[in-house]
Protein backbone atom coordinates (compact mmCIF):
# COMPACT_ATOMS: atom_id res chain seq x y z
CA MET A 1 0.00 0.00 0.00
CA LEU A 2 2.81 2.43 0.86
CA ARG A 3 4.58 1.69 -2.40
CA ASP A 4 1.37 2.27 -4.35
CA GLU A 5 0.95 5.70 -2.73
CA LEU A 6 4.60 6.81 -2.89
CA LEU A 7 4.40 8.71 -6.18
CA ALA A 8 1.28 10.55 -5.04
CA THR A 9 2.97 11.36 -1.74
CA VAL A 10 6.04 12.72 -3.52
CA SER A 11 3.76 14.83 -5.70
CA LEU A 12 2.12 16.30 -2.60
CA LEU A 13 5.55 17.11 -1.15
CA LYS A 14 6.62 18.88 -4.34
CA GLN A 15 3.41 20.92 -4.24
CA ARG A 16 4.09 21.82 -0.58
CA ARG A 17 0.90 20.02 0.49
CA ALA A 18 2.43 17.65 3.04
CA ALA A 19 -0.55 18.12 5.35
CA GLU A 20 -2.60 16.10 2.83
CA ILE A 21 -0.42 12.99 3.19
CA ALA A 22 -2.40 10.20 4.83
CA GLU A 23 -1.86 9.94 8.57
CA GLY A 24 0.90 7.53 9.51
CA TYR A 25 2.42 7.33 6.04
CA VAL A 26 5.29 9.69 6.83
CA ASP A 27 6.36 7.61 9.84
CA ASP A 28 6.15 4.45 7.75
CA TYR A 29 8.18 5.96 4.89
CA ILE A 30 10.82 7.07 7.38
CA ALA A 31 10.89 3.60 8.97
CA LEU A 32 11.44 2.09 5.51
CA HIS A 33 14.24 4.64 4.87
CA TRP A 34 12.38 5.97 1.83
CA MET A 35 12.15 9.46 3.35
CA GLU A 36 14.03 11.45 5.96
CA TRP A 37 13.78 14.74 7.79
CA HIS A 38 16.38 17.24 6.63
CA GLY A 39 16.46 20.70 8.17
CA GLY A 40 12.76 20.61 8.99
CA SER A 41 11.79 19.37 5.54
CA LEU A 42 10.84 15.91 4.44
CA ARG A 43 12.78 14.53 1.48
CA LEU A 44 13.33 11.27 -0.34
CA THR A 45 16.38 9.22 0.52
CA THR A 46 18.41 7.51 -2.18
CA THR A 47 16.37 4.37 -1.52
CA GLY A 48 13.14 6.35 -1.90
CA GLU A 49 14.36 7.85 -5.16
CA ASN A 50 15.18 4.37 -6.46
CA VAL A 51 11.74 3.06 -5.50
CA CYS A 52 10.14 6.01 -7.34
CA LYS A 53 12.24 5.32 -10.46
CA HIS A 54 11.19 1.67 -10.34
CA LEU A 55 7.52 2.59 -9.98
CA LYS A 56 7.71 5.06 -12.87
CA ALA A 57 9.31 2.39 -15.05
CA LEU A 58 6.56 -0.09 -14.17
CA LEU A 59 3.89 2.48 -15.00
CA ALA A 60 5.56 3.31 -18.30
CA ARG A 61 5.73 -0.39 -19.23
CA ALA A 62 2.08 -0.89 -18.29
CA ALA A 63 1.08 2.15 -20.35
CA GLY A 64 3.04 0.78 -23.30
CA ARG A 65 1.22 -2.54 -23.11
CA SER A 66 -2.20 -0.92 -22.94
CA ALA A 67 -1.40 1.20 -26.01
CA VAL A 68 -0.80 -1.94 -28.10
């Protein structure tokens, strides 16, 4: 579930709408080392960035299959 919501969560962070992230998700992302606090801001870790890249690749592949 967290993986499925990661891209949407990152989008909310980029839009400075962190208050809209589902309750408990931030703590879970931090526990998974996908996100970290840095100077009062929440940001993706290298692991989180890699998970996002993987998810984007999966979505692109799925979109390519549905276009066929």
